[in-house]
């Protein structure tokens, strides 16, 4: 071991002791992938034992947590945090509770914008200029992404450039960066070869270093000698402290300790197909929605499939022999392969490439996605979509805003109602066995995450696909264009909505969406 890396080695507790009260801390990771669990848990231990550091500002892009206690949930303590600027809050519900209870200043900005802002901070620029967020609750005209009454300072503003309205997200000094890598070499340089993603580790390290701060890296192992320079993701000159983690603090994702498929190419052409084929879908509402959404996926498309309901589209694409002709991408950086779900979301099985997260969002923001399928929790008469706020529960937007505003074809996926909905497919027709208790199509959404104003999005076609009806976005609002066989429009569609959609020519949904799998018709 050379003196270069040896001088930087320390325990997690020693590294965390360098964080001063009042600092701005930036944490990297995506759900559990590339999140420095050893460091955030050490920070929690120190605060609970000593009360310091306190009054921290936390900045992060992707949601990091398991919905319970891991990830950024470690930092969700009153007085430990003063302000949080985050992309997705749902996986760290304790943070959301602090925001709802006005115990912290709280902002929700698009995940891609935060990732790109890190790069602009590193470059010494005053901030990030983008159209991402226009027309949504992040737009200063609609709240500026501020989540509670305690949050007063404006961190984003509208500006005019060349006759076009843009949003300007302001830079800020960053004092501490918490990042993770697979290994450190003898120069203290970081390798990511066994991580599921690259994320924004380089941008965090560059930004914090150039702000005069401290970069702390958690690694799984040390390697002898200097690594191939092409393999280095973060050069050692940017890393101040290196912590060798314990195995249980360095799971590849929060669902799997290590899955070689997340960081290796397929050994044969059938590997990805076997992964997909093993996850058959019953003939329920999820399959119906996935089938109809897949009808819009053209061969040769570059696509993004959101977490939850849209995940099934990849399985239908495999059944139809389409999977090999499209490229599935994930906002965290994987390109190609089969996106993983659940607490491994962000990873892909046998990806063709893994780029860093800011670069992926550059591609998305520039219109690189031919197709995007995203979830939708609330939809209103105008076609606005809410995925973030529901009463006293706050989830946040993550990468939704970047993707929804900039994909060339946009499909929102979700059931017409929610809460114990039960349906059945019988002889090619859909029956509603039990209606959902909650309406998802409402007069006005609680929070606008996708704005239906035509000058705010790129897509030439926007569809809203449910298990019993398909709607399209028009200049006059939401229009019903398809209904499932066996479904009555007035009693089973309109009556389950909070408004009456436009209706002109309503045609049947494709019969292929209501074909039972494996020759067996099944009830959901």
Protein backbone atom coordinates (compact mmCIF):
# COMPACT_ATOMS: atom_id res chain seq x y z
CA UNK A 1 0.00 0.00 0.00
CA UNK A 2 1.48 3.36 -1.01
CA UNK A 3 1.65 6.38 1.24
CA UNK A 4 -0.81 8.21 -1.04
CA UNK A 5 -3.77 6.00 -0.23
CA UNK A 6 -2.56 5.16 3.28
CA UNK A 7 -2.62 8.82 4.26
CA UNK A 8 -6.29 9.03 3.31
CA UNK A 9 -7.50 5.85 5.01
CA UNK A 10 -9.62 6.26 8.14
CA UNK A 11 -12.68 4.83 9.83
CA UNK A 12 -16.19 6.01 9.04
CA UNK A 13 -16.43 7.68 12.45
CA UNK A 14 -13.11 9.52 11.91
CA UNK A 15 -14.24 10.73 8.51
CA UNK A 16 -17.60 11.94 9.76
CA UNK A 17 -15.90 13.88 12.58
CA UNK A 18 -14.61 16.24 9.89
CA UNK A 19 -18.14 17.50 9.15
CA UNK A 20 -18.78 20.83 10.86
CA UNK A 21 -22.14 22.16 11.95
CA UNK A 22 -23.79 24.40 9.38
CA UNK A 23 -22.11 22.64 6.45
CA UNK A 24 -23.74 21.81 3.14
CA UNK A 25 -23.52 18.07 2.52
CA UNK A 26 -24.11 16.36 -0.84
CA UNK A 27 -24.83 12.62 -0.98
CA UNK A 28 -24.58 10.43 -4.07
CA UNK A 29 -26.50 7.30 -4.96
CA UNK A 30 -29.72 5.97 -6.48
CA UNK A 31 -32.10 4.08 -4.15
CA UNK A 32 -29.35 1.89 -2.65
CA UNK A 33 -26.94 1.70 -5.59
CA UNK A 34 -23.73 3.67 -4.98
CA UNK A 35 -25.08 5.11 -1.74
CA UNK A 36 -22.46 5.43 1.01
CA UNK A 37 -24.40 3.56 3.70
CA UNK A 38 -21.42 3.28 6.04
CA UNK A 39 -21.01 7.06 6.03
CA UNK A 40 -24.64 8.11 6.47
CA UNK A 41 -25.11 5.59 9.30
CA UNK A 42 -21.92 6.88 10.98
CA UNK A 43 -23.20 10.44 10.70
CA UNK A 44 -26.44 9.41 12.40
CA UNK A 45 -24.52 7.66 15.22
CA UNK A 46 -22.39 10.71 15.89
CA UNK A 47 -25.34 13.09 15.96
CA UNK A 48 -27.39 10.88 18.28
CA UNK A 49 -24.42 10.51 20.64
CA UNK A 50 -23.16 14.10 20.64
CA UNK A 51 -25.70 16.39 18.99
CA UNK A 52 -23.14 17.43 16.40
CA UNK A 53 -22.88 18.20 13.62
CA UNK A 54 -26.14 20.09 13.38
CA UNK A 55 -27.94 22.57 11.13
CA UNK A 56 -26.71 20.82 8.01
CA UNK A 57 -27.99 21.45 4.50
CA UNK A 58 -28.47 18.19 2.59
CA UNK A 59 -28.36 18.13 -1.23
CA UNK A 60 -29.09 15.03 -3.30
CA UNK A 61 -30.46 14.11 -6.71
CA UNK A 62 -31.94 10.61 -6.77
CA UNK A 63 -33.89 9.20 -3.84
CA UNK A 64 -31.66 7.17 -1.53
CA UNK A 65 -33.33 4.79 0.89
CA UNK A 66 -35.35 1.65 1.41
CA UNK A 67 -38.53 3.37 2.57
CA UNK A 68 -37.65 2.47 6.18
CA UNK A 69 -34.33 3.08 7.90
CA UNK A 70 -31.48 2.92 5.39
CA UNK A 71 -30.03 5.56 3.10
CA UNK A 72 -30.95 9.16 3.80
CA UNK A 73 -33.39 8.03 6.48
CA UNK A 74 -30.29 8.02 8.71
CA UNK A 75 -30.16 11.80 8.47
CA UNK A 76 -33.83 12.51 9.17
CA UNK A 77 -33.49 14.01 12.63
CA UNK A 78 -34.66 17.42 13.84
CA UNK A 79 -31.70 19.76 14.41
CA UNK A 80 -29.32 17.52 12.45
CA UNK A 81 -30.75 19.05 9.28
CA UNK A 82 -31.71 22.66 8.68
CA UNK A 83 -32.45 22.47 4.94
CA UNK A 84 -32.95 19.71 2.36
CA UNK A 85 -32.76 20.16 -1.42
CA UNK A 86 -33.71 16.83 -2.97
CA UNK A 87 -35.03 15.18 -6.10
CA UNK A 88 -37.04 12.25 -4.75
CA UNK A 89 -38.26 11.97 -1.16
CA UNK A 90 -40.41 8.86 -1.15
CA UNK A 91 -37.68 6.37 -0.22
CA UNK A 92 -36.73 8.46 2.80
CA UNK A 93 -40.15 9.02 4.40
CA UNK A 94 -38.60 10.35 7.58
CA UNK A 95 -37.24 13.28 5.59
CA UNK A 96 -40.69 13.88 4.16
CA UNK A 97 -42.18 13.94 7.66
CA UNK A 98 -39.71 16.65 8.69
CA UNK A 99 -40.78 18.71 5.68
CA UNK A 100 -44.51 18.21 6.22
CA UNK A 101 -44.12 19.15 9.90
CA UNK A 102 -42.21 22.36 9.04
CA UNK A 103 -39.15 21.17 10.98
CA UNK A 104 -36.77 21.85 8.07
CA UNK A 105 -36.59 24.07 5.02
CA UNK A 106 -37.45 21.79 2.12
CA UNK A 107 -37.16 22.01 -1.67
CA UNK A 108 -38.01 19.52 -4.39
CA UNK A 109 -36.13 20.03 -7.66
CA UNK A 110 -35.91 17.70 -10.66
CA UNK A 111 -33.31 14.98 -10.20
CA UNK A 112 -31.61 15.75 -13.50
CA UNK A 113 -31.36 19.43 -12.69
CA UNK A 114 -29.64 18.71 -9.37
CA UNK A 115 -27.16 16.37 -11.07
CA UNK A 116 -26.36 19.00 -13.69
CA UNK A 117 -26.18 21.73 -11.04
CA UNK A 118 -23.35 19.79 -9.37
CA UNK A 119 -21.41 19.98 -12.63
CA UNK A 120 -22.08 23.72 -12.91
CA UNK A 121 -20.94 24.27 -9.33
CA UNK A 122 -17.72 22.39 -10.14
CA UNK A 123 -17.17 24.66 -13.15
CA UNK A 124 -17.72 27.81 -11.12
CA UNK A 125 -20.84 28.78 -13.04
CA UNK A 126 -23.60 30.77 -11.31
CA UNK A 127 -26.13 28.01 -11.79
CA UNK A 128 -28.03 25.79 -14.23
CA UNK A 129 -30.19 27.23 -16.98
CA UNK A 130 -32.86 24.85 -18.30
CA UNK A 131 -36.51 24.68 -19.26
CA UNK A 132 -37.02 21.63 -17.03
CA UNK A 133 -39.61 22.50 -14.41
CA UNK A 134 -41.48 25.17 -16.35
CA UNK A 135 -45.21 25.06 -15.68
CA UNK A 136 -44.83 22.71 -12.72
CA UNK A 137 -44.83 23.41 -8.97
CA UNK A 138 -41.07 23.91 -9.31
CA UNK A 139 -41.59 26.95 -11.53
CA UNK A 140 -41.31 30.15 -9.40
CA UNK A 141 -44.68 31.15 -10.83
CA UNK A 142 -46.15 28.16 -8.97
CA UNK A 143 -44.10 27.96 -5.77
CA UNK A 144 -40.48 27.47 -6.78
CA UNK A 145 -40.27 23.90 -5.49
CA UNK A 146 -40.70 25.05 -1.89
CA UNK A 147 -42.52 22.44 0.18
CA UNK A 148 -43.65 24.21 3.34
CA UNK A 149 -44.21 27.58 5.04
CA UNK A 150 -40.79 27.54 6.63
CA UNK A 151 -39.08 27.51 3.24
CA UNK A 152 -38.80 31.15 2.20
CA UNK A 153 -35.64 31.67 0.16
CA UNK A 154 -36.04 31.44 -3.63
CA UNK A 155 -33.44 29.11 -5.18
CA UNK A 156 -34.85 29.12 -8.72
CA UNK A 157 -35.99 32.04 -10.85
CA UNK A 158 -37.48 32.70 -14.28
CA UNK A 159 -35.24 34.43 -16.81
CA UNK A 160 -35.58 35.47 -20.46
CA UNK A 161 -32.87 34.50 -22.95
CA UNK A 162 -33.25 35.10 -26.65
CA UNK A 163 -36.95 35.66 -26.28
CA UNK A 164 -37.47 32.31 -24.51
CA UNK A 165 -38.39 31.73 -20.86
CA UNK A 166 -35.94 29.57 -18.90
CA UNK A 167 -35.49 28.53 -15.29
CA UNK A 168 -32.27 29.43 -13.51
CA UNK A 169 -31.31 27.18 -10.56
CA UNK A 170 -28.71 28.92 -8.42
CA UNK A 171 -25.35 27.43 -7.46
CA UNK A 172 -24.37 27.10 -3.81
CA UNK A 173 -21.17 26.25 -1.94
CA UNK A 174 -20.75 22.56 -1.10
CA UNK A 175 -18.64 21.64 1.93
CA UNK A 176 -18.76 17.84 2.18
CA UNK A 177 -19.32 15.12 -0.41
CA UNK A 178 -20.25 11.53 0.51
CA UNK A 179 -19.63 9.14 -2.37
CA UNK A 180 -19.09 5.42 -2.90
CA UNK A 181 -16.94 3.30 -5.18
CA UNK A 182 -16.01 -0.35 -5.59
CA UNK A 183 -12.33 0.15 -4.88
CA UNK A 184 -9.48 2.60 -4.43
CA UNK A 185 -6.10 2.08 -6.05
CA UNK A 186 -2.68 2.99 -4.72
CA UNK A 187 -3.14 6.61 -5.82
CA UNK A 188 -6.42 6.89 -3.98
CA UNK A 189 -8.29 6.93 -7.28
CA UNK A 190 -11.75 5.35 -7.35
CA UNK A 191 -13.07 2.50 -9.49
CA UNK A 192 -16.74 1.70 -10.06
CA UNK A 193 -16.43 -1.67 -11.80
CA UNK A 194 -18.62 -3.60 -9.31
CA UNK A 195 -21.21 -0.88 -8.81
CA UNK A 196 -24.59 -1.00 -10.53
CA UNK A 197 -24.29 2.65 -11.55
CA UNK A 198 -21.73 5.44 -11.80
CA UNK A 199 -24.17 8.09 -10.71
CA UNK A 200 -22.74 11.55 -10.09
CA UNK A 201 -19.62 10.61 -8.11
CA UNK A 202 -17.22 12.59 -10.30
CA UNK A 203 -19.39 15.69 -10.35
CA UNK A 204 -19.79 15.61 -6.55
CA UNK A 205 -16.05 15.19 -6.06
CA UNK A 206 -15.19 18.00 -8.48
CA UNK A 207 -17.79 20.39 -7.06
CA UNK A 208 -16.88 19.82 -3.41
CA UNK A 209 -13.14 19.99 -4.12
CA UNK A 210 -13.48 23.25 -6.06
CA UNK A 211 -15.56 24.71 -3.23
CA UNK A 212 -12.67 23.96 -0.86
CA UNK A 213 -14.59 21.18 0.86
CA UNK A 214 -13.92 17.58 1.92
CA UNK A 215 -14.64 14.54 -0.28
CA UNK A 216 -15.18 11.31 1.65
CA UNK A 217 -15.31 8.05 -0.29
CA UNK A 218 -16.58 4.69 0.92
CA UNK A 219 -14.98 1.72 -0.87
CA UNK A 220 -15.38 -2.03 -0.68
CA UNK A 221 -11.73 -2.88 -1.22
CA UNK A 222 -8.24 -1.59 -1.94
CA UNK A 223 -6.35 -2.78 -4.99
CA UNK A 224 -2.60 -3.10 -5.33
CA UNK A 225 -0.86 -0.66 -7.61
CA UNK A 226 -2.28 1.95 -9.89
CA UNK A 227 -5.40 1.14 -11.89
CA UNK A 228 -5.68 1.44 -15.64
CA UNK A 229 -6.30 5.18 -16.08
CA UNK A 230 -9.28 4.49 -18.35
CA UNK A 231 -10.89 2.60 -15.47
CA UNK A 232 -10.56 5.47 -13.00
CA UNK A 233 -13.83 7.34 -12.45
CA UNK A 234 -12.68 9.74 -9.71
CA UNK A 235 -8.98 10.66 -9.64
CA UNK A 236 -7.26 10.46 -6.29
CA UNK A 237 -6.46 14.18 -6.23
CA UNK A 238 -10.17 14.84 -5.58
CA UNK A 239 -10.53 12.40 -2.66
CA UNK A 240 -9.66 13.54 0.87
CA UNK A 241 -10.64 10.52 2.96
CA UNK A 242 -11.21 6.85 2.12
CA UNK A 243 -13.26 4.53 4.34
CA UNK A 244 -13.01 0.77 3.88
CA UNK A 245 -16.56 -0.43 4.47
CA UNK A 246 -17.89 -3.56 6.10
CA UNK A 247 -19.68 -5.96 3.70
CA UNK A 248 -23.15 -5.27 5.12
CA UNK A 249 -22.65 -1.54 4.48
CA UNK A 250 -21.78 -2.01 0.82
CA UNK A 251 -24.62 -3.97 -0.77
CA UNK A 252 -24.73 -3.40 -4.51
CA UNK A 253 -28.39 -2.36 -4.13
CA UNK A 254 -30.76 -2.37 -1.18
CA UNK A 255 -32.28 -5.56 -2.61
CA UNK A 256 -29.15 -7.57 -3.47
CA UNK A 257 -25.70 -7.82 -1.91
CA UNK A 258 -24.14 -8.41 -5.31
CA UNK A 259 -25.55 -9.34 -8.70
CA UNK A 260 -22.90 -9.70 -11.41
CA UNK A 261 -25.56 -9.10 -14.08
CA UNK A 262 -25.74 -5.46 -12.98
CA UNK A 263 -22.16 -4.74 -14.02
CA UNK A 264 -21.31 -7.38 -16.62
CA UNK A 265 -22.36 -7.95 -20.24
CA UNK A 266 -24.55 -10.90 -21.16
CA UNK A 267 -22.55 -14.10 -21.62
CA UNK A 268 -24.90 -15.19 -24.38
CA UNK A 269 -27.69 -13.59 -26.39
CA UNK A 270 -30.39 -15.42 -24.41
CA UNK A 271 -29.38 -14.14 -20.96
CA UNK A 272 -31.53 -11.01 -20.93
CA UNK A 273 -34.43 -12.93 -22.40
CA UNK A 274 -34.27 -15.55 -19.66
CA UNK A 275 -34.44 -12.80 -17.04
CA UNK A 276 -37.54 -11.36 -18.67
CA UNK A 277 -39.26 -14.65 -19.46
CA UNK A 278 -38.95 -15.78 -15.85
CA UNK A 279 -41.30 -12.97 -14.80
CA UNK A 280 -44.59 -13.84 -16.47
CA UNK A 281 -47.53 -11.51 -16.01
CA UNK A 282 -51.05 -12.67 -15.14
CA UNK A 283 -53.98 -11.31 -17.14
CA UNK A 284 -54.75 -8.51 -14.73
CA UNK A 285 -54.89 -4.72 -14.94
CA UNK A 286 -51.10 -4.42 -14.98
CA UNK A 287 -50.82 -6.67 -18.01
CA UNK A 288 -53.59 -4.85 -19.84
CA UNK A 289 -51.91 -1.50 -19.30
CA UNK A 290 -48.47 -2.86 -20.25
CA UNK A 291 -49.88 -4.40 -23.44
CA UNK A 292 -51.59 -1.20 -24.55
CA UNK A 293 -48.57 0.94 -23.71
CA UNK A 294 -46.30 -1.48 -25.58
CA UNK A 295 -48.43 -0.95 -28.70
CA UNK A 296 -46.89 2.52 -28.86
CA UNK A 297 -43.29 1.26 -28.61
CA UNK A 298 -41.80 1.19 -32.10
CA UNK A 299 -38.87 -0.96 -33.19
CA UNK A 300 -35.58 0.90 -32.92
CA UNK A 301 -36.80 3.22 -30.15
CA UNK A 302 -34.66 4.50 -27.30
CA UNK A 303 -36.92 4.28 -24.27
CA UNK A 304 -37.25 4.93 -20.56
CA UNK A 305 -39.68 2.90 -18.45
CA UNK A 306 -40.59 4.29 -15.06
CA UNK A 307 -40.78 2.30 -11.86
CA UNK A 308 -43.99 0.46 -10.99
CA UNK A 309 -46.72 0.01 -13.59
CA UNK A 310 -44.51 0.79 -16.64
CA UNK A 311 -42.04 -1.98 -15.73
CA UNK A 312 -44.37 -4.56 -17.28
CA UNK A 313 -43.88 -3.06 -20.74
CA UNK A 314 -40.49 -4.72 -21.03
CA UNK A 315 -42.03 -8.15 -20.38
CA UNK A 316 -44.66 -7.61 -23.07
CA UNK A 317 -41.97 -6.38 -25.45
CA UNK A 318 -40.10 -9.63 -24.83
CA UNK A 319 -43.21 -11.71 -25.53
CA UNK A 320 -43.69 -9.87 -28.80
CA UNK A 321 -40.08 -10.29 -29.88
CA UNK A 322 -39.58 -6.55 -29.70
CA UNK A 323 -37.10 -6.38 -26.84
CA UNK A 324 -34.06 -6.96 -29.01
CA UNK A 325 -34.95 -4.07 -31.30
CA UNK A 326 -35.36 -1.34 -28.67
CA UNK A 327 -32.87 0.18 -26.23
CA UNK A 328 -34.12 0.52 -22.67
CA UNK A 329 -32.39 3.15 -20.56
CA UNK A 330 -32.53 4.18 -16.91
CA UNK A 331 -32.01 7.76 -15.71
CA UNK A 332 -29.27 6.59 -13.34
CA UNK A 333 -27.04 5.76 -16.33
CA UNK A 334 -27.50 2.18 -17.61
CA UNK A 335 -28.14 1.87 -21.34
CA UNK A 336 -29.50 -1.35 -22.82
CA UNK A 337 -30.19 -4.59 -21.01
CA UNK A 338 -33.20 -5.17 -18.76
CA UNK A 339 -33.97 -2.56 -16.07
CA UNK A 340 -34.33 -3.97 -12.56
CA UNK A 341 -37.26 -3.13 -10.29
CA UNK A 342 -38.07 -2.68 -6.63
CA UNK A 343 -35.14 -1.70 -4.41
CA UNK A 344 -32.80 -2.55 -7.29
CA UNK A 345 -34.43 0.09 -9.50
CA UNK A 346 -31.67 2.12 -11.13
CA UNK A 347 -29.69 -0.98 -12.08
CA UNK A 348 -30.04 -2.96 -15.31
CA UNK A 349 -29.38 -6.60 -16.04
CA UNK A 350 -26.53 -6.91 -18.54
CA UNK A 351 -26.46 -3.29 -19.70
CA UNK A 352 -24.62 -2.43 -22.90
CA UNK A 353 -23.10 0.64 -21.28
CA UNK A 354 -23.28 2.64 -18.06
CA UNK A 355 -22.78 6.41 -18.32
CA UNK A 356 -22.79 8.92 -15.49
CA UNK A 357 -26.12 10.31 -14.40
CA UNK A 358 -25.65 13.96 -15.48
CA UNK A 359 -24.71 12.76 -18.98
CA UNK A 360 -27.83 10.59 -19.13
CA UNK A 361 -29.99 13.58 -18.27
CA UNK A 362 -28.20 15.70 -20.88
CA UNK A 363 -29.32 13.11 -23.43
CA UNK A 364 -32.86 13.03 -22.07
CA UNK A 365 -33.21 16.81 -21.88
CA UNK A 366 -32.05 17.19 -25.48
CA UNK A 367 -34.84 14.95 -26.78
CA UNK A 368 -32.90 11.70 -26.99
CA UNK A 369 -35.79 9.56 -25.76
CA UNK A 370 -38.11 8.36 -28.50
CA UNK A 371 -40.51 6.90 -25.94
CA UNK A 372 -41.14 7.21 -22.22
CA UNK A 373 -43.72 5.39 -20.10
CA UNK A 374 -44.24 6.85 -16.63
CA UNK A 375 -46.60 6.29 -13.75
CA UNK A 376 -49.39 8.72 -12.90
CA UNK A 377 -51.09 9.07 -9.53
CA UNK A 378 -53.44 11.94 -10.35
CA UNK A 379 -54.59 13.31 -13.73
CA UNK A 380 -56.91 16.26 -14.24
CA UNK A 381 -59.24 17.63 -16.88
CA UNK A 382 -56.44 19.59 -18.57
CA UNK A 383 -54.10 16.59 -18.66
CA UNK A 384 -51.80 17.76 -15.86
CA UNK A 385 -50.21 14.93 -13.86
CA UNK A 386 -49.28 14.66 -10.19
CA UNK A 387 -46.83 12.03 -8.94
CA UNK A 388 -45.48 13.75 -5.85
CA UNK A 389 -47.95 15.06 -3.25
CA UNK A 390 -51.04 13.38 -1.78
CA UNK A 391 -52.53 15.07 1.25
CA UNK A 392 -49.94 14.88 4.03
CA UNK A 393 -47.73 12.46 2.10
CA UNK A 394 -44.93 13.82 -0.05
CA UNK A 395 -42.97 11.65 -2.50
CA UNK A 396 -41.18 14.08 -4.81
CA UNK A 397 -40.59 14.05 -8.55
CA UNK A 398 -37.17 12.44 -9.02
CA UNK A 399 -36.37 12.23 -12.74
CA UNK A 400 -40.04 12.42 -13.75
CA UNK A 401 -39.99 16.09 -14.79
CA UNK A 402 -36.91 15.78 -17.02
CA UNK A 403 -38.31 12.71 -18.75
CA UNK A 404 -41.93 13.85 -19.06
CA UNK A 405 -41.02 17.22 -20.54
CA UNK A 406 -38.54 15.95 -23.09
CA UNK A 407 -39.51 12.50 -24.43
CA UNK A 408 -40.79 12.53 -28.02
CA UNK A 409 -43.67 10.16 -27.22
CA UNK A 410 -45.10 10.10 -23.71
CA UNK A 411 -47.31 7.42 -22.16
CA UNK A 412 -48.71 7.76 -18.64
CA UNK A 413 -49.67 4.41 -17.12
CA UNK A 414 -52.03 3.72 -14.25
CA UNK A 415 -55.39 2.29 -13.30
CA UNK A 416 -58.48 4.48 -13.58
CA UNK A 417 -59.12 4.15 -9.85
CA UNK A 418 -56.97 3.03 -6.93
CA UNK A 419 -57.51 1.26 -3.64
CA UNK A 420 -58.58 -2.42 -3.79
CA UNK A 421 -59.47 -2.34 -7.48
CA UNK A 422 -60.18 -5.85 -8.77
CA UNK A 423 -60.78 -6.76 -12.41
CA UNK A 424 -61.18 -9.92 -14.45
CA UNK A 425 -60.60 -10.81 -18.10
CA UNK A 426 -63.14 -13.33 -19.39
CA UNK A 427 -63.54 -14.35 -23.04
CA UNK A 428 -61.69 -11.26 -24.19
CA UNK A 429 -63.77 -8.83 -22.16
CA UNK A 430 -62.97 -6.83 -19.05
CA UNK A 431 -65.13 -6.93 -15.93
CA UNK A 432 -64.82 -4.67 -12.89
CA UNK A 433 -65.23 -7.02 -9.93
CA UNK A 434 -64.58 -4.34 -7.32
CA UNK A 435 -64.16 -0.65 -8.05
CA UNK A 436 -61.22 1.18 -6.56
CA UNK A 437 -62.04 3.41 -3.61
CA UNK A 438 -60.05 6.41 -4.83
CA UNK A 439 -60.43 8.44 -8.00
CA UNK A 440 -57.20 9.13 -9.89
CA UNK A 441 -58.80 11.31 -12.57
CA UNK A 442 -59.72 14.49 -10.71
CA UNK A 443 -60.89 18.01 -11.52
CA UNK A 444 -57.53 19.51 -10.50
CA UNK A 445 -54.37 17.72 -9.36
CA UNK A 446 -52.90 18.58 -5.97
CA UNK A 447 -49.53 19.38 -7.48
CA UNK A 448 -48.53 19.82 -11.13
CA UNK A 449 -45.53 17.61 -11.96
CA UNK A 450 -46.30 17.42 -15.69
CA UNK A 451 -47.84 20.54 -17.16
CA UNK A 452 -50.23 20.07 -20.07
CA UNK A 453 -49.46 23.58 -21.34
CA UNK A 454 -48.23 22.98 -24.89
CA UNK A 455 -45.10 25.13 -24.61
CA UNK A 456 -43.73 23.12 -21.68
CA UNK A 457 -43.25 19.66 -23.22
CA UNK A 458 -41.65 18.18 -26.34
CA UNK A 459 -43.85 15.13 -27.08
CA UNK A 460 -45.90 15.08 -30.25
CA UNK A 461 -48.25 12.54 -28.65
CA UNK A 462 -49.27 12.17 -24.99
CA UNK A 463 -51.45 9.21 -23.99
CA UNK A 464 -52.93 8.16 -20.64
CA UNK A 465 -53.37 4.38 -20.58
CA UNK A 466 -55.59 2.67 -18.00
CA UNK A 467 -56.96 -0.86 -17.77
CA UNK A 468 -60.38 0.16 -19.14
CA UNK A 469 -59.82 3.33 -21.17
CA UNK A 470 -57.22 5.30 -23.09
CA UNK A 471 -57.13 9.09 -23.22
CA UNK A 472 -55.06 11.50 -25.27
CA UNK A 473 -53.97 15.06 -24.58
CA UNK A 474 -55.49 17.67 -26.87
CA UNK A 475 -55.38 21.46 -26.88
CA UNK A 476 -58.88 21.39 -25.37
CA UNK A 477 -57.94 18.95 -22.59
CA UNK A 478 -58.24 15.22 -21.99
CA UNK A 479 -60.09 13.21 -24.63
CA UNK A 480 -61.35 9.64 -24.27
CA UNK A 481 -60.30 7.74 -27.40
CA UNK A 482 -60.56 4.03 -26.47
CA UNK A 483 -62.59 1.87 -24.12
CA UNK A 484 -62.09 -1.78 -23.15
CA UNK A 485 -64.45 -4.43 -24.49
CA UNK A 486 -67.16 -5.16 -21.91
CA UNK A 487 -66.91 -1.72 -20.29
CA UNK A 488 -69.76 0.80 -20.31
CA UNK A 489 -68.46 4.33 -20.90
CA UNK A 490 -70.96 6.20 -18.74
CA UNK A 491 -71.24 3.92 -15.70
CA UNK A 492 -67.72 2.46 -15.58
CA UNK A 493 -65.51 5.21 -16.99
CA UNK A 494 -67.11 8.64 -16.66
CA UNK A 495 -68.78 7.80 -13.33
CA UNK A 496 -65.38 6.81 -11.89
CA UNK A 497 -63.80 10.14 -12.87
CA UNK A 498 -64.01 13.57 -11.29
CA UNK A 499 -64.87 15.24 -14.59
CA UNK A 500 -66.35 14.42 -17.98
CA UNK A 501 -63.64 13.99 -20.63
CA UNK A 502 -63.95 15.12 -24.21
CA UNK A 503 -65.46 12.43 -26.42
CA UNK A 504 -65.66 12.31 -30.19
CA UNK A 505 -64.88 8.95 -31.78
CA UNK A 506 -64.31 6.32 -29.09
CA UNK A 507 -62.99 3.02 -30.45
CA UNK A 508 -62.36 -0.32 -28.70
CA UNK A 509 -59.01 -0.94 -27.06
CA UNK A 510 -57.05 -3.59 -29.03
CA UNK A 511 -58.27 -7.14 -28.45
CA UNK A 512 -54.68 -8.29 -27.91
CA UNK A 513 -54.66 -6.47 -24.56
CA UNK A 514 -57.31 -8.85 -23.24
CA UNK A 515 -55.83 -12.18 -24.30
CA UNK A 516 -55.10 -14.48 -21.35
CA UNK A 517 -51.56 -15.74 -20.87
CA UNK A 518 -50.54 -19.38 -21.31
CA UNK A 519 -54.06 -20.32 -22.43
CA UNK A 520 -55.50 -19.57 -18.95
CA UNK A 521 -57.74 -16.64 -18.13
CA UNK A 522 -56.99 -15.33 -14.66
CA UNK A 523 -58.55 -12.90 -12.25
CA UNK A 524 -56.38 -10.21 -10.64
